Amino acid sequence: MKQVALLVLEGNDQATSTLMQSLGGQTYGVSYAALLESFDSRIVCTIVYPSEKGAYCLPEGKSFTDYQGIVWTGSALNCYNTAPEVSHQIEMAKQAYASGVPIFGSCWGMQIMTIALGGTVRCNPKGREIGVGRDIALTDAGKNHPMFTGKGDVFDTLEVHMDEVDSLPQNAKVLAGNAMSTVQAMSIDTDRSSFWGVQYHPEFNFATMAIVMRRLHEKLLAEGIFKSAVTLDKQIEAYSNSEIDSTTNDSVNNPVQRHLEITNWLHEKVLSA
C-alpha cells in the first residue's frame, strides 16, 4: 500500500498551542493531522511549525514536492501583523504555492495565502464570528466547484475568526459567503498551482470549539458576544458534552457533512492524483 504524504502547517505560535493544551485540548496541527489520517489508512502526516522555526522548516532533505498535499491550520495570529511569527508563514505560503503541490487552508490558512499572493486581510468591522457560523451561501462558482460536491447551497458550519479577506489575490474565485463575511470560501487555481480555502473550520468538532471558547473567555465577554459568564460557560459545557447543536442541522451535526470540504479536496486533488 503506497503512502500518501501530507504536510500540515501549524498556524499558531507556541504560546497559543501551549494554552490550548493546558485547557485540555490538542494543538491545531496535531488534531488536524489525526483527522486527515482517519479518512484514509494511506495518509501519513508530517507537522511543521513555521511560526517558531521559520519559513524553511521542512524536515531535512525534504521539499514541498515530496508531499502529495499541504494543509494549513487555523491560528490566533493576525495576518496584517508584521511579527516574525507571521512573516515566516507568509514566506512559506509563497514557497508552498509556487511548488505546485495542492493546498487546503482553514481560516488562517486562507488568510495567509491571500496575503502571500497579493490580496489583503482586515479585522472584520462586523466583529467576531464564533460557534456556529450561520447561512453560508454558495456563489454560482461555488455551486459548480468540486469542494462543495454533496453540500447544500446554504449551510451552517463551526467557525471562529476575527479577521476576514478584504481583497482577493489574482485568479481567486469567491465560492461562498454570509452576512458576516462575503468571502467564506475561495479557490485559486492556475495551470501550475491549486489552493482551496475556507474561512471556517471544517476540521473542528464541538469539543475543540469548547476549548477555543475557554481560551477566548475574557475576550468573548468583553466583546459582548455573550451577555454573561454564566451564559458563556453553559455554551462551553454544552459543546464539551455533545456532538450536536439543537439550533442547527446536519451540515454541522453530521461529521461527514461537517468535514466534506476536506474530504472533497482529498479525493479531487490528492488521492486521485
Foldseek 3Di string as FASTA:
>chain_A
DAAAEEEEEQLEDPVVQVLLVVLPHHGQRVLLQVVVCVVDVRYDYDYFYCLPPFLPTDPPPDDLVVHQEYEYEAYPDDLPDPDSSNVRLLNNLLRNQQQLREYEYEAVGVQSNQVSQPFHKDFQPVFWDAAKAFFKAFDPVQVPDLLQVVHDRTFIAGATDRMATDGGGPQKDATIDDPRYRRQWIWRDDPRGIYTYGNGCLSDFLLSSLSVCVVCVVVCCVVVVDVDSVRSVVSSVVSNPDRDDVVGDCCRSPNCNSNSSVVSCCVPRGPVD
